[in-house]
C-alpha atoms as a PDB file:
ATOM      1  CA  UNK A   1     -29.896  -3.040 -15.655  1.00  0.00           C
ATOM      2  CA  UNK A   2     -27.433  -1.785 -17.696  1.00  0.00           C
ATOM      3  CA  UNK A   3     -27.283   1.937 -17.756  1.00  0.00           C
ATOM      4  CA  UNK A   4     -29.381   2.354 -14.585  1.00  0.00           C
ATOM      5  CA  UNK A   5     -28.041   4.294 -11.582  1.00  0.00           C
ATOM      6  CA  UNK A   6     -27.559   2.159  -8.603  1.00  0.00           C
ATOM      7  CA  UNK A   7     -30.237   3.095  -5.950  1.00  0.00           C
ATOM      8  CA  UNK A   8     -29.322   4.400  -2.320  1.00  0.00           C
ATOM      9  CA  UNK A   9     -30.788   2.502   0.544  1.00  0.00           C
ATOM     10  CA  UNK A  10     -33.687   4.463   2.191  1.00  0.00           C
ATOM     11  CA  UNK A  11     -32.980   5.006   5.921  1.00  0.00           C
ATOM     12  CA  UNK A  12     -35.269   6.385   8.369  1.00  0.00           C
ATOM     13  CA  UNK A  13     -32.984   7.603  11.048  1.00  0.00           C
ATOM     14  CA  UNK A  14     -29.458   8.282  11.815  1.00  0.00           C
ATOM     15  CA  UNK A  15     -29.624   5.137  13.953  1.00  0.00           C
ATOM     16  CA  UNK A  16     -30.757   3.085  10.680  1.00  0.00           C
ATOM     17  CA  UNK A  17     -28.041   4.330   8.624  1.00  0.00           C
ATOM     18  CA  UNK A  18     -25.057   3.778  11.293  1.00  0.00           C
ATOM     19  CA  UNK A  19     -26.353   0.175  12.133  1.00  0.00           C
ATOM     20  CA  UNK A  20     -26.135  -0.567   8.190  1.00  0.00           C
ATOM     21  CA  UNK A  21     -22.322   0.300   8.050  1.00  0.00           C
ATOM     22  CA  UNK A  22     -19.750  -2.246   9.052  1.00  0.00           C
ATOM     23  CA  UNK A  23     -18.983  -2.652  12.556  1.00  0.00           C
ATOM     24  CA  UNK A  24     -15.654  -0.610  12.698  1.00  0.00           C
ATOM     25  CA  UNK A  25     -17.261   2.283  11.097  1.00  0.00           C
ATOM     26  CA  UNK A  26     -20.555   2.516  13.409  1.00  0.00           C
ATOM     27  CA  UNK A  27     -18.228   3.947  16.464  1.00  0.00           C
ATOM     28  CA  UNK A  28     -16.835   6.665  14.181  1.00  0.00           C
ATOM     29  CA  UNK A  29     -20.151   7.691  12.908  1.00  0.00           C
ATOM     30  CA  UNK A  30     -21.646   7.493  16.657  1.00  0.00           C
ATOM     31  CA  UNK A  31     -18.581   9.810  17.813  1.00  0.00           C
ATOM     32  CA  UNK A  32     -19.385  12.164  14.771  1.00  0.00           C
ATOM     33  CA  UNK A  33     -22.852  12.642  15.717  1.00  0.00           C
ATOM     34  CA  UNK A  34     -22.124  12.936  19.589  1.00  0.00           C
ATOM     35  CA  UNK A  35     -19.527  15.881  18.325  1.00  0.00           C
ATOM     36  CA  UNK A  36     -21.875  17.609  16.299  1.00  0.00           C
ATOM     37  CA  UNK A  37     -24.615  17.556  18.614  1.00  0.00           C
ATOM     38  CA  UNK A  38     -22.555  18.638  21.486  1.00  0.00           C
ATOM     39  CA  UNK A  39     -20.967  21.544  19.390  1.00  0.00           C
ATOM     40  CA  UNK A  40     -24.370  22.838  17.583  1.00  0.00           C
ATOM     41  CA  UNK A  41     -26.820  21.739  20.181  1.00  0.00           C
ATOM     42  CA  UNK A  42     -29.541  23.838  18.133  1.00  0.00           C
ATOM     43  CA  UNK A  43     -29.117  21.230  15.151  1.00  0.00           C
ATOM     44  CA  UNK A  44     -31.884  19.126  14.192  1.00  0.00           C
ATOM     45  CA  UNK A  45     -31.192  15.530  12.913  1.00  0.00           C
ATOM     46  CA  UNK A  46     -32.446  14.906   9.352  1.00  0.00           C
ATOM     47  CA  UNK A  47     -31.487  12.783   6.390  1.00  0.00           C
ATOM     48  CA  UNK A  48     -30.441  14.404   3.058  1.00  0.00           C
ATOM     49  CA  UNK A  49     -28.852  13.229   0.073  1.00  0.00           C
ATOM     50  CA  UNK A  50     -29.631   9.730   1.668  1.00  0.00           C
ATOM     51  CA  UNK A  51     -26.859  10.297   4.693  1.00  0.00           C
ATOM     52  CA  UNK A  52     -27.238  11.362   8.108  1.00  0.00           C
ATOM     53  CA  UNK A  53     -27.163  15.341   8.054  1.00  0.00           C
ATOM     54  CA  UNK A  54     -28.020  18.309  10.590  1.00  0.00           C
ATOM     55  CA  UNK A  55     -30.003  21.338   9.863  1.00  0.00           C
ATOM     56  CA  UNK A  56     -30.755  24.398  11.859  1.00  0.00           C
ATOM     57  CA  UNK A  57     -32.841  26.623   9.332  1.00  0.00           C
ATOM     58  CA  UNK A  58     -31.420  25.090   6.513  1.00  0.00           C
ATOM     59  CA  UNK A  59     -29.182  21.747   5.957  1.00  0.00           C
ATOM     60  CA  UNK A  60     -25.400  22.438   6.936  1.00  0.00           C
ATOM     61  CA  UNK A  61     -23.690  19.240   7.501  1.00  0.00           C
ATOM     62  CA  UNK A  62     -23.752  15.691   5.797  1.00  0.00           C
ATOM     63  CA  UNK A  63     -21.733  12.802   6.827  1.00  0.00           C
ATOM     64  CA  UNK A  64     -21.342   9.627   4.682  1.00  0.00           C
ATOM     65  CA  UNK A  65     -19.536   6.281   5.089  1.00  0.00           C
ATOM     66  CA  UNK A  66     -17.765   5.139   2.176  1.00  0.00           C
ATOM     67  CA  UNK A  67     -15.434   2.110   1.608  1.00  0.00           C
ATOM     68  CA  UNK A  68     -11.900   3.644   2.585  1.00  0.00           C
ATOM     69  CA  UNK A  69     -13.219   6.951   4.421  1.00  0.00           C
ATOM     70  CA  UNK A  70     -15.933   8.866   6.063  1.00  0.00           C
ATOM     71  CA  UNK A  71     -16.820  11.938   3.943  1.00  0.00           C
ATOM     72  CA  UNK A  72     -18.280  15.374   5.369  1.00  0.00           C
ATOM     73  CA  UNK A  73     -20.134  17.736   3.009  1.00  0.00           C
ATOM     74  CA  UNK A  74     -20.415  20.574   2.193  1.00  0.00           C
ATOM     75  CA  UNK A  75     -16.950  22.208   1.736  1.00  0.00           C
ATOM     76  CA  UNK A  76     -16.131  24.327   4.725  1.00  0.00           C
ATOM     77  CA  UNK A  77     -14.421  27.595   4.417  1.00  0.00           C
ATOM     78  CA  UNK A  78     -13.084  28.799   7.930  1.00  0.00           C
ATOM     79  CA  UNK A  79      -9.912  30.617   8.480  1.00  0.00           C
ATOM     80  CA  UNK A  80      -6.539  30.266   7.652  1.00  0.00           C
ATOM     81  CA  UNK A  81      -5.757  28.049  10.763  1.00  0.00           C
ATOM     82  CA  UNK A  82      -8.687  25.454  10.144  1.00  0.00           C
ATOM     83  CA  UNK A  83      -7.768  25.244   6.636  1.00  0.00           C
ATOM     84  CA  UNK A  84      -4.428  24.406   7.325  1.00  0.00           C
ATOM     85  CA  UNK A  85      -5.475  21.627   9.700  1.00  0.00           C
ATOM     86  CA  UNK A  86      -7.971  20.538   7.119  1.00  0.00           C
ATOM     87  CA  UNK A  87      -5.723  20.206   4.225  1.00  0.00           C
ATOM     88  CA  UNK A  88      -4.632  16.543   4.476  1.00  0.00           C
ATOM     89  CA  UNK A  89      -8.321  15.647   4.348  1.00  0.00           C
ATOM     90  CA  UNK A  90      -9.549  17.956   1.401  1.00  0.00           C
ATOM     91  CA  UNK A  91     -10.548  16.385  -1.730  1.00  0.00           C
ATOM     92  CA  UNK A  92     -10.691  17.836  -5.303  1.00  0.00           C
ATOM     93  CA  UNK A  93     -13.893  19.723  -4.765  1.00  0.00           C
ATOM     94  CA  UNK A  94     -13.064  20.863  -1.194  1.00  0.00           C
ATOM     95  CA  UNK A  95     -15.306  18.040   0.467  1.00  0.00           C
ATOM     96  CA  UNK A  96     -13.501  16.541   3.455  1.00  0.00           C
ATOM     97  CA  UNK A  97     -12.526  12.620   3.258  1.00  0.00           C
ATOM     98  CA  UNK A  98     -11.173  11.022   6.660  1.00  0.00           C
ATOM     99  CA  UNK A  99      -9.485   7.666   5.697  1.00  0.00           C
ATOM    100  CA  UNK A 100     -10.659   4.915   7.747  1.00  0.00           C
ATOM    101  CA  UNK A 101      -6.890   3.756   8.006  1.00  0.00           C
ATOM    102  CA  UNK A 102      -6.238   6.584  10.159  1.00  0.00           C
ATOM    103  CA  UNK A 103      -7.713   7.668  13.626  1.00  0.00           C
ATOM    104  CA  UNK A 104     -10.506   9.816  13.500  1.00  0.00           C
ATOM    105  CA  UNK A 105      -9.661  13.754  14.633  1.00  0.00           C
ATOM    106  CA  UNK A 106     -12.789  14.158  16.219  1.00  0.00           C
ATOM    107  CA  UNK A 107     -12.034  17.583  17.796  1.00  0.00           C
ATOM    108  CA  UNK A 108     -11.370  18.571  14.320  1.00  0.00           C
ATOM    109  CA  UNK A 109     -14.698  17.297  13.016  1.00  0.00           C
ATOM    110  CA  UNK A 110     -16.337  19.094  16.012  1.00  0.00           C
ATOM    111  CA  UNK A 111     -14.565  22.338  14.864  1.00  0.00           C
ATOM    112  CA  UNK A 112     -15.859  21.701  11.205  1.00  0.00           C
ATOM    113  CA  UNK A 113     -19.490  21.141  12.583  1.00  0.00           C
ATOM    114  CA  UNK A 114     -19.282  24.730  14.435  1.00  0.00           C
ATOM    115  CA  UNK A 115     -18.073  26.377  11.360  1.00  0.00           C
ATOM    116  CA  UNK A 116     -20.389  24.769   8.881  1.00  0.00           C
ATOM    117  CA  UNK A 117     -23.164  25.702  11.314  1.00  0.00           C
ATOM    118  CA  UNK A 118     -21.886  29.309  11.015  1.00  0.00           C
ATOM    119  CA  UNK A 119     -21.480  29.036   7.456  1.00  0.00           C
ATOM    120  CA  UNK A 120     -24.489  27.474   6.005  1.00  0.00           C
ATOM    121  CA  UNK A 121     -27.107  26.664   8.954  1.00  0.00           C
ATOM    122  CA  UNK A 122     -29.059  29.842   9.113  1.00  0.00           C
ATOM    123  CA  UNK A 123     -31.011  31.389   6.395  1.00  0.00           C
ATOM    124  CA  UNK A 124     -29.406  34.572   4.742  1.00  0.00           C
ATOM    125  CA  UNK A 125     -31.498  37.501   5.361  1.00  0.00           C
ATOM    126  CA  UNK A 126     -33.787  38.367   2.623  1.00  0.00           C
ATOM    127  CA  UNK A 127     -33.873  34.585   1.230  1.00  0.00           C
ATOM    128  CA  UNK A 128     -37.006  32.261   1.261  1.00  0.00           C
ATOM    129  CA  UNK A 129     -37.183  29.899   3.842  1.00  0.00           C
ATOM    130  CA  UNK A 130     -35.986  26.342   2.839  1.00  0.00           C
ATOM    131  CA  UNK A 131     -38.056  23.428   3.176  1.00  0.00           C
ATOM    132  CA  UNK A 132     -38.323  22.119   6.877  1.00  0.00           C
ATOM    133  CA  UNK A 133     -38.994  18.447   5.777  1.00  0.00           C
ATOM    134  CA  UNK A 134     -36.945  16.173   8.202  1.00  0.00           C
ATOM    135  CA  UNK A 135     -36.131  14.103   4.890  1.00  0.00           C
ATOM    136  CA  UNK A 136     -34.604  16.372   2.161  1.00  0.00           C
ATOM    137  CA  UNK A 137     -33.818  14.994  -1.158  1.00  0.00           C
ATOM    138  CA  UNK A 138     -31.729  16.526  -4.001  1.00  0.00           C
ATOM    139  CA  UNK A 139     -33.636  17.804  -6.802  1.00  0.00           C
END
């Protein structure tokens, strides 16, 4: 109907999300999953905002496949060297977009995962615990 927002497909797992993507994108998402789990072994898989995500105390990494790119969220701060390497992939809000027309820099993605885990993965002291559901959703 006119005026309605399109609905997101509901996925039960990372595997379901990856299987629903085009064949050429699936190995890229699997490589990202392997890199995150290698670099942040205490990360727990979850789905948040309808995409594969990872959490430690809280969600720190989201990855989504789009028509022309793979997006990684939220924006990563990192140091000057990391920011220099990420500059070609940053969007206007600081999120990362890795074009499907270019080779995926998987080691850079791994560095982003480590950095996001350090920046966002753990609760800040004095803040209440976040929801630990394996299926977070936006409010």
